[in-house]
N, C-alpha and C. Protein backbone atom coordinates (compact mmCIF):
# COMPACT_ATOMS: atom_id res chain seq x y z
N MET A 1 0.84 -1.17 0.00
CA MET A 1 0.00 0.00 0.00
C MET A 1 0.89 1.25 0.00
N PRO A 2 0.63 2.20 -0.89
CA PRO A 2 1.49 3.38 -0.99
C PRO A 2 1.26 4.41 0.12
N HIS A 3 0.15 4.29 0.88
CA HIS A 3 -0.06 5.21 1.99
C HIS A 3 -0.80 4.53 3.13
N GLU A 4 -0.60 5.08 4.30
CA GLU A 4 -1.30 4.61 5.50
C GLU A 4 -1.91 5.84 6.15
N MET A 5 -3.12 5.71 6.65
CA MET A 5 -3.81 6.83 7.26
C MET A 5 -4.39 6.39 8.60
N LYS A 6 -4.18 7.21 9.63
CA LYS A 6 -4.76 6.90 10.93
C LYS A 6 -4.98 8.19 11.71
N PHE A 7 -5.93 8.13 12.63
CA PHE A 7 -6.23 9.26 13.48
C PHE A 7 -5.59 9.03 14.83
N ASN A 8 -4.78 10.00 15.27
CA ASN A 8 -4.14 9.92 16.57
C ASN A 8 -5.04 10.66 17.56
N GLU A 9 -5.76 9.90 18.36
CA GLU A 9 -6.71 10.50 19.30
C GLU A 9 -6.02 11.34 20.37
N ALA A 10 -4.79 11.01 20.71
CA ALA A 10 -4.08 11.73 21.76
C ALA A 10 -3.87 13.20 21.42
N ASP A 11 -3.60 13.50 20.15
CA ASP A 11 -3.35 14.89 19.79
C ASP A 11 -4.29 15.43 18.71
N GLY A 12 -5.25 14.61 18.27
CA GLY A 12 -6.24 15.08 17.30
C GLY A 12 -5.69 15.31 15.91
N ILE A 13 -4.64 14.59 15.55
CA ILE A 13 -3.98 14.77 14.26
C ILE A 13 -4.20 13.54 13.39
N VAL A 14 -4.56 13.79 12.13
CA VAL A 14 -4.66 12.72 11.15
C VAL A 14 -3.27 12.51 10.56
N GLU A 15 -2.75 11.32 10.69
CA GLU A 15 -1.41 11.00 10.20
C GLU A 15 -1.52 10.24 8.88
N VAL A 16 -0.89 10.79 7.85
CA VAL A 16 -0.86 10.14 6.54
C VAL A 16 0.60 9.90 6.20
N THR A 17 0.94 8.65 5.97
CA THR A 17 2.32 8.29 5.66
C THR A 17 2.39 7.73 4.25
N TYR A 18 3.23 8.35 3.43
CA TYR A 18 3.47 7.88 2.06
C TYR A 18 4.72 7.01 2.07
N ASP A 19 4.65 5.90 1.34
CA ASP A 19 5.78 5.00 1.26
C ASP A 19 5.94 4.54 -0.18
N GLY A 20 7.06 4.84 -0.77
CA GLY A 20 7.32 4.41 -2.13
C GLY A 20 6.74 5.37 -3.16
N HIS A 21 6.35 4.82 -4.31
CA HIS A 21 5.84 5.62 -5.43
C HIS A 21 4.33 5.76 -5.33
N MET A 22 3.84 6.96 -5.67
CA MET A 22 2.39 7.21 -5.72
C MET A 22 2.09 8.06 -6.94
N ASN A 23 1.24 7.54 -7.81
CA ASN A 23 0.84 8.33 -8.97
C ASN A 23 -0.34 9.22 -8.62
N LEU A 24 -0.79 10.03 -9.56
CA LEU A 24 -1.90 10.94 -9.30
C LEU A 24 -3.18 10.21 -8.90
N GLU A 25 -3.45 9.10 -9.53
CA GLU A 25 -4.66 8.33 -9.21
C GLU A 25 -4.63 7.85 -7.76
N GLU A 26 -3.48 7.32 -7.33
CA GLU A 26 -3.35 6.83 -5.96
C GLU A 26 -3.48 7.98 -4.96
N ARG A 27 -2.90 9.12 -5.29
CA ARG A 27 -3.02 10.28 -4.41
C ARG A 27 -4.47 10.74 -4.34
N GLY A 28 -5.16 10.71 -5.48
CA GLY A 28 -6.57 11.10 -5.50
C GLY A 28 -7.42 10.19 -4.62
N LYS A 29 -7.18 8.89 -4.69
CA LYS A 29 -7.92 7.94 -3.85
C LYS A 29 -7.64 8.20 -2.37
N GLY A 30 -6.39 8.48 -2.05
CA GLY A 30 -6.03 8.77 -0.66
C GLY A 30 -6.70 10.04 -0.16
N LEU A 31 -6.75 11.06 -1.01
CA LEU A 31 -7.40 12.31 -0.64
C LEU A 31 -8.89 12.12 -0.41
N GLU A 32 -9.53 11.36 -1.27
CA GLU A 32 -10.96 11.11 -1.09
C GLU A 32 -11.23 10.30 0.17
N GLU A 33 -10.34 9.36 0.49
CA GLU A 33 -10.47 8.60 1.74
C GLU A 33 -10.33 9.56 2.93
N LEU A 34 -9.33 10.43 2.89
CA LEU A 34 -9.12 11.41 3.95
C LEU A 34 -10.36 12.28 4.14
N CYS A 35 -10.90 12.78 3.05
CA CYS A 35 -12.08 13.65 3.12
C CYS A 35 -13.30 12.90 3.65
N ALA A 36 -13.48 11.66 3.20
CA ALA A 36 -14.64 10.88 3.64
C ALA A 36 -14.59 10.61 5.15
N LEU A 37 -13.40 10.38 5.66
CA LEU A 37 -13.26 10.02 7.07
C LEU A 37 -13.14 11.21 8.01
N TYR A 38 -12.51 12.30 7.55
CA TYR A 38 -12.12 13.33 8.50
C TYR A 38 -12.49 14.77 8.14
N SER A 39 -13.11 15.02 7.00
CA SER A 39 -13.35 16.41 6.59
C SER A 39 -14.33 17.14 7.51
N HIS A 40 -15.04 16.43 8.35
CA HIS A 40 -15.96 17.06 9.30
C HIS A 40 -15.23 17.73 10.46
N MET A 41 -13.96 17.42 10.65
CA MET A 41 -13.20 17.96 11.77
C MET A 41 -12.86 19.43 11.53
N ARG A 42 -12.97 20.24 12.59
CA ARG A 42 -12.68 21.68 12.51
C ARG A 42 -11.77 22.07 13.65
N PRO A 43 -10.52 22.38 13.43
CA PRO A 43 -9.81 22.27 12.18
C PRO A 43 -9.37 20.83 11.93
N LEU A 44 -9.12 20.54 10.70
CA LEU A 44 -8.57 19.24 10.31
C LEU A 44 -7.06 19.39 10.27
N ARG A 45 -6.39 18.73 11.18
CA ARG A 45 -4.93 18.80 11.28
C ARG A 45 -4.33 17.54 10.66
N ILE A 46 -3.51 17.75 9.62
CA ILE A 46 -2.94 16.64 8.87
C ILE A 46 -1.42 16.65 9.01
N LEU A 47 -0.87 15.52 9.42
CA LEU A 47 0.58 15.33 9.41
C LEU A 47 0.88 14.42 8.24
N LEU A 48 1.49 14.96 7.22
CA LEU A 48 1.79 14.22 6.00
C LEU A 48 3.27 13.85 6.02
N ASP A 49 3.54 12.57 6.24
CA ASP A 49 4.90 12.07 6.33
C ASP A 49 5.36 11.59 4.95
N VAL A 50 6.28 12.33 4.36
CA VAL A 50 6.79 11.99 3.02
C VAL A 50 8.25 11.55 3.08
N ARG A 51 8.71 11.14 4.25
CA ARG A 51 10.12 10.75 4.38
C ARG A 51 10.49 9.57 3.50
N GLU A 52 9.55 8.69 3.23
CA GLU A 52 9.85 7.51 2.39
C GLU A 52 9.19 7.58 1.02
N LEU A 53 8.65 8.73 0.67
CA LEU A 53 8.02 8.91 -0.64
C LEU A 53 9.08 8.97 -1.73
N LYS A 54 8.82 8.29 -2.81
CA LYS A 54 9.67 8.35 -4.00
C LYS A 54 8.92 9.17 -5.05
N MET A 55 9.34 10.40 -5.26
CA MET A 55 8.63 11.29 -6.17
C MET A 55 8.98 10.96 -7.61
N ASP A 56 7.95 10.62 -8.38
CA ASP A 56 8.16 10.41 -9.80
C ASP A 56 7.07 11.10 -10.63
N LEU A 57 6.33 12.03 -10.00
CA LEU A 57 5.38 12.85 -10.77
C LEU A 57 6.16 13.91 -11.54
N THR A 58 5.69 14.23 -12.73
CA THR A 58 6.31 15.31 -13.48
C THR A 58 6.04 16.63 -12.77
N LEU A 59 6.74 17.68 -13.14
CA LEU A 59 6.50 18.99 -12.55
C LEU A 59 5.08 19.46 -12.82
N ASP A 60 4.57 19.20 -14.02
CA ASP A 60 3.18 19.56 -14.33
C ASP A 60 2.20 18.80 -13.43
N GLU A 61 2.44 17.51 -13.22
CA GLU A 61 1.57 16.72 -12.34
C GLU A 61 1.64 17.22 -10.90
N GLN A 62 2.84 17.61 -10.46
CA GLN A 62 2.98 18.14 -9.12
C GLN A 62 2.21 19.45 -8.96
N LYS A 63 2.24 20.28 -9.97
CA LYS A 63 1.48 21.53 -9.94
C LYS A 63 -0.01 21.24 -9.88
N ILE A 64 -0.47 20.35 -10.74
CA ILE A 64 -1.89 19.97 -10.75
C ILE A 64 -2.30 19.46 -9.37
N TRP A 65 -1.49 18.58 -8.79
CA TRP A 65 -1.84 17.99 -7.51
C TRP A 65 -1.83 19.04 -6.39
N GLY A 66 -0.81 19.86 -6.34
CA GLY A 66 -0.72 20.88 -5.30
C GLY A 66 -1.90 21.83 -5.34
N GLU A 67 -2.29 22.26 -6.53
CA GLU A 67 -3.41 23.18 -6.67
C GLU A 67 -4.74 22.48 -6.38
N HIS A 68 -4.85 21.21 -6.78
CA HIS A 68 -6.07 20.44 -6.49
C HIS A 68 -6.24 20.27 -4.98
N PHE A 69 -5.18 19.87 -4.32
CA PHE A 69 -5.20 19.66 -2.87
C PHE A 69 -5.58 20.96 -2.16
N ALA A 70 -4.94 22.06 -2.55
CA ALA A 70 -5.19 23.35 -1.90
C ALA A 70 -6.61 23.85 -2.13
N GLY A 71 -7.19 23.53 -3.28
CA GLY A 71 -8.51 24.04 -3.61
C GLY A 71 -9.65 23.09 -3.32
N HIS A 72 -9.37 21.94 -2.72
CA HIS A 72 -10.41 20.96 -2.47
C HIS A 72 -11.42 21.53 -1.47
N PRO A 73 -12.70 21.56 -1.82
CA PRO A 73 -13.70 22.18 -0.94
C PRO A 73 -13.86 21.51 0.43
N LYS A 74 -13.52 20.25 0.54
CA LYS A 74 -13.66 19.57 1.83
C LYS A 74 -12.45 19.78 2.74
N LEU A 75 -11.46 20.52 2.23
CA LEU A 75 -10.26 20.78 3.03
C LEU A 75 -10.16 22.24 3.45
N THR A 76 -11.29 22.94 3.40
CA THR A 76 -11.32 24.36 3.75
C THR A 76 -10.79 24.60 5.16
N TYR A 77 -11.09 23.70 6.08
CA TYR A 77 -10.69 23.87 7.48
C TYR A 77 -9.45 23.05 7.83
N ALA A 78 -8.68 22.71 6.83
CA ALA A 78 -7.52 21.86 7.06
C ALA A 78 -6.22 22.66 7.06
N CYS A 79 -5.24 22.10 7.74
CA CYS A 79 -3.87 22.59 7.66
C CYS A 79 -2.98 21.35 7.64
N ALA A 80 -1.85 21.47 7.02
CA ALA A 80 -0.98 20.30 6.86
C ALA A 80 0.46 20.63 7.24
N ALA A 81 1.04 19.76 8.04
CA ALA A 81 2.46 19.80 8.32
C ALA A 81 3.11 18.70 7.50
N ILE A 82 4.08 19.06 6.70
CA ILE A 82 4.77 18.09 5.86
C ILE A 82 6.04 17.67 6.58
N LEU A 83 6.14 16.39 6.88
CA LEU A 83 7.31 15.84 7.57
C LEU A 83 8.20 15.15 6.55
N HIS A 84 9.41 15.67 6.40
CA HIS A 84 10.34 15.12 5.41
C HIS A 84 11.72 14.96 6.03
N LYS A 85 12.59 14.28 5.31
CA LYS A 85 13.97 14.14 5.77
C LYS A 85 14.61 15.52 5.79
N GLU A 86 15.53 15.71 6.70
CA GLU A 86 16.18 17.01 6.83
C GLU A 86 16.87 17.44 5.55
N SER A 87 17.40 16.49 4.83
CA SER A 87 18.17 16.82 3.64
C SER A 87 17.35 16.86 2.35
N HIS A 88 16.06 16.43 2.43
CA HIS A 88 15.31 16.33 1.17
C HIS A 88 13.80 16.26 1.42
N ASN A 89 13.07 17.11 0.72
CA ASN A 89 11.61 17.05 0.72
C ASN A 89 11.15 16.69 -0.69
N PRO A 90 10.72 15.43 -0.91
CA PRO A 90 10.31 15.04 -2.26
C PRO A 90 9.02 15.74 -2.70
N ASN A 91 8.33 16.36 -1.78
CA ASN A 91 7.04 16.99 -2.04
C ASN A 91 7.16 18.51 -2.19
N VAL A 92 8.36 19.03 -2.29
CA VAL A 92 8.58 20.48 -2.20
C VAL A 92 7.79 21.28 -3.24
N PHE A 93 7.72 20.82 -4.47
CA PHE A 93 6.99 21.57 -5.49
C PHE A 93 5.48 21.53 -5.24
N ILE A 94 4.97 20.38 -4.86
CA ILE A 94 3.54 20.26 -4.53
C ILE A 94 3.21 21.20 -3.38
N ASP A 95 4.04 21.16 -2.35
CA ASP A 95 3.82 22.02 -1.18
C ASP A 95 3.85 23.49 -1.56
N THR A 96 4.77 23.86 -2.42
CA THR A 96 4.89 25.25 -2.86
C THR A 96 3.65 25.68 -3.64
N PHE A 97 3.20 24.85 -4.57
CA PHE A 97 2.00 25.19 -5.34
C PHE A 97 0.78 25.31 -4.42
N ALA A 98 0.65 24.42 -3.45
CA ALA A 98 -0.48 24.48 -2.51
C ALA A 98 -0.39 25.74 -1.65
N PHE A 99 0.79 26.04 -1.15
CA PHE A 99 0.99 27.23 -0.32
C PHE A 99 0.66 28.50 -1.11
N ASN A 100 1.10 28.55 -2.36
CA ASN A 100 0.84 29.72 -3.20
C ASN A 100 -0.64 29.91 -3.49
N LYS A 101 -1.42 28.85 -3.35
CA LYS A 101 -2.88 28.93 -3.53
C LYS A 101 -3.58 29.26 -2.21
N GLY A 102 -2.80 29.52 -1.17
CA GLY A 102 -3.39 29.94 0.10
C GLY A 102 -3.61 28.84 1.11
N TYR A 103 -3.12 27.65 0.84
CA TYR A 103 -3.31 26.54 1.77
C TYR A 103 -2.38 26.69 2.96
N ARG A 104 -2.88 26.38 4.16
CA ARG A 104 -2.06 26.45 5.38
C ARG A 104 -1.20 25.20 5.45
N ILE A 105 0.08 25.39 5.15
CA ILE A 105 1.01 24.27 5.05
C ILE A 105 2.37 24.72 5.56
N ALA A 106 3.08 23.83 6.23
CA ALA A 106 4.41 24.15 6.73
C ALA A 106 5.30 22.92 6.62
N GLN A 107 6.60 23.16 6.53
CA GLN A 107 7.60 22.10 6.32
C GLN A 107 8.35 21.81 7.62
N PHE A 108 8.59 20.53 7.88
CA PHE A 108 9.31 20.12 9.08
C PHE A 108 10.15 18.89 8.80
N SER A 109 11.27 18.79 9.52
CA SER A 109 12.06 17.56 9.49
C SER A 109 12.06 16.90 10.87
N ASP A 110 11.34 17.51 11.82
CA ASP A 110 11.23 16.97 13.17
C ASP A 110 9.75 16.73 13.49
N ASP A 111 9.42 15.51 13.89
CA ASP A 111 8.05 15.12 14.17
C ASP A 111 7.42 15.99 15.27
N LYS A 112 8.14 16.22 16.34
CA LYS A 112 7.60 17.00 17.45
C LYS A 112 7.30 18.44 17.00
N ASP A 113 8.19 19.05 16.25
CA ASP A 113 7.96 20.41 15.76
C ASP A 113 6.71 20.46 14.88
N ALA A 114 6.55 19.45 14.04
CA ALA A 114 5.38 19.40 13.15
C ALA A 114 4.09 19.30 13.97
N ARG A 115 4.08 18.44 14.95
CA ARG A 115 2.90 18.27 15.80
C ARG A 115 2.60 19.53 16.62
N ASP A 116 3.64 20.15 17.13
CA ASP A 116 3.46 21.39 17.90
C ASP A 116 2.83 22.48 17.02
N TRP A 117 3.28 22.61 15.78
CA TRP A 117 2.73 23.60 14.87
C TRP A 117 1.25 23.30 14.58
N LEU A 118 0.96 22.03 14.32
CA LEU A 118 -0.43 21.65 14.03
C LEU A 118 -1.36 21.94 15.21
N LYS A 119 -0.89 21.69 16.42
CA LYS A 119 -1.73 21.93 17.60
C LYS A 119 -2.05 23.41 17.78
N LYS A 120 -1.19 24.28 17.27
CA LYS A 120 -1.40 25.73 17.40
C LYS A 120 -2.32 26.28 16.31
N GLU A 121 -2.44 25.55 15.20
CA GLU A 121 -3.25 26.04 14.08
C GLU A 121 -4.73 25.98 14.41
N ARG A 122 -5.45 26.99 13.97
CA ARG A 122 -6.90 27.07 14.20
C ARG A 122 -7.63 27.14 12.90
């Protein structure tokens, strides 16, 4: 499975972990699963772990995905902390496109820092 999703009741954060390669279709299915399960939460706090993601989307696909994610109507009350390796964020272009569209998103290489930021977001 290219992603795992779970709700951490202790801190109210939805944890999504990407592992390996994920094409646009797989990302779309994951997003719809996330929305179906958690879009009712206000705010929806998402910890997106991309430390093991292997990015093979083209730059155009990354732009499409970042803008789609940022503009999704069920994610209006969401914010996302992107957890990546200190030396590399495979999701950097997607994150940039989403941020430029006004999505509340921040980059972290430390799990605790990411969770602390999410807990402060409203």
